[in-house]
Amino acid sequence: MCIQPHIFFKGKGTGASILRDMKPYDPRVRVKFNPTGYTNSENMVDWIEEQLVPSLNSQTALLVLDLFGGDKTDEVLDTFQAPDITISIIPAGCT
């Protein structure tokens, strides 16, 4: 399994606009919607559980992240620990 790219749009992801927003992208690109149009800790947990963990095939891993606040919530950090993923966070101003 490969990890698919994600694109976030602002909105609810309902109605005719969803088809218009998704049309230009390859079907392997995951198009998601949320009220802000930005990723958050809930999206991060979904990505870990749906994409990252299955792609690791039960192997331990090191994942390097930038200083995005949604990566550092207790919920996200706990989700990383469950499948034995070590994270390293790059300090502000270094990405």
Protein backbone atom coordinates (compact mmCIF):
# COMPACT_ATOMS: atom_id res chain seq x y z
CA MET A 1 0.00 0.00 0.00
CA CYS A 2 1.28 3.46 -0.82
CA ILE A 3 0.42 6.64 1.00
CA GLN A 4 -1.85 8.80 -1.12
CA PRO A 5 -1.60 12.59 -1.33
CA HIS A 6 -4.31 14.54 0.50
CA ILE A 7 -5.88 17.87 -0.44
CA PHE A 8 -8.12 19.76 1.98
CA PHE A 9 -10.83 22.15 0.85
CA LYS A 10 -12.84 24.51 3.00
CA GLY A 11 -16.44 23.36 3.28
CA LYS A 12 -18.65 20.42 4.14
CA GLY A 13 -18.00 18.31 1.07
CA THR A 14 -21.65 18.14 0.09
CA GLY A 15 -23.62 19.21 -2.94
CA ALA A 16 -22.59 19.78 -6.53
CA SER A 17 -19.44 21.71 -5.62
CA ILE A 18 -17.74 18.55 -4.31
CA LEU A 19 -17.72 17.03 -7.80
CA ARG A 20 -16.32 20.23 -9.28
CA ASP A 21 -13.58 20.41 -6.64
CA MET A 22 -12.59 16.75 -7.02
CA LYS A 23 -12.72 16.52 -10.83
CA PRO A 24 -9.25 17.91 -11.67
CA TYR A 25 -7.45 15.43 -9.41
CA ASP A 26 -6.31 11.91 -10.07
CA PRO A 27 -8.64 9.39 -8.33
CA ARG A 28 -5.71 8.30 -6.13
CA VAL A 29 -5.59 11.77 -4.54
CA ARG A 30 -7.74 11.91 -1.40
CA VAL A 31 -9.83 15.06 -1.49
CA LYS A 32 -11.23 15.97 1.93
CA PHE A 33 -13.26 18.83 3.30
CA ASN A 34 -13.42 20.55 6.66
CA PRO A 35 -14.68 23.92 7.94
CA THR A 36 -11.27 25.63 7.83
CA GLY A 37 -9.71 24.04 4.75
CA TYR A 38 -6.64 23.10 6.82
CA THR A 39 -5.59 19.81 8.32
CA ASN A 40 -6.09 19.34 12.05
CA SER A 41 -5.46 16.68 14.69
CA GLU A 42 -8.58 14.72 13.67
CA ASN A 43 -7.35 14.60 10.05
CA MET A 44 -3.90 13.58 11.28
CA VAL A 45 -5.29 10.66 13.28
CA ASP A 46 -7.32 9.53 10.25
CA TRP A 47 -4.19 9.71 8.07
CA ILE A 48 -2.13 7.73 10.58
CA GLU A 49 -4.74 5.00 10.95
CA GLU A 50 -5.92 4.81 7.30
CA GLN A 51 -2.68 5.44 5.40
CA LEU A 52 0.52 5.39 7.45
CA VAL A 53 0.04 2.35 9.70
CA PRO A 54 -1.18 0.00 6.92
CA SER A 55 1.75 1.03 4.71
CA LEU A 56 4.30 0.11 7.41
CA ASN A 57 3.32 -3.58 7.54
CA SER A 58 3.96 -3.76 11.32
CA GLN A 59 7.49 -2.36 11.02
CA THR A 60 8.77 0.28 13.42
CA ALA A 61 9.26 3.68 11.82
CA LEU A 62 10.68 7.16 12.26
CA LEU A 63 8.49 9.99 10.98
CA VAL A 64 9.86 13.54 10.76
CA LEU A 65 7.28 16.33 11.04
CA ASP A 66 7.38 20.10 11.06
CA LEU A 67 6.12 22.17 14.00
CA PHE A 68 2.45 22.13 12.93
CA GLY A 69 0.29 22.28 16.07
CA GLY A 70 -2.08 19.51 14.94
CA ASP A 71 0.83 17.04 15.01
CA LYS A 72 1.47 17.58 18.70
CA THR A 73 -1.92 17.01 20.34
CA ASP A 74 -2.23 14.21 22.89
CA GLU A 75 -4.60 12.34 20.57
CA VAL A 76 -2.11 12.40 17.68
CA LEU A 77 0.91 11.53 19.85
CA ASP A 78 -0.98 8.59 21.39
CA THR A 79 -1.94 7.36 17.91
CA PHE A 80 1.72 7.41 16.84
CA GLN A 81 2.75 5.36 19.86
CA ALA A 82 0.24 2.56 19.32
CA PRO A 83 1.89 1.18 16.15
CA ASP A 84 5.45 1.94 17.38
CA ILE A 85 6.11 5.07 15.32
CA THR A 86 8.81 7.37 16.65
CA ILE A 87 8.37 11.00 15.67
CA SER A 88 10.94 13.74 15.39
CA ILE A 89 9.71 17.31 15.19
CA ILE A 90 11.77 19.84 13.24
CA PRO A 91 12.08 23.13 15.20
CA ALA A 92 10.37 26.30 14.03
CA GLY A 93 12.18 28.14 11.24
CA CYS A 94 14.07 25.06 10.04
CA THR A 95 11.73 23.69 7.36
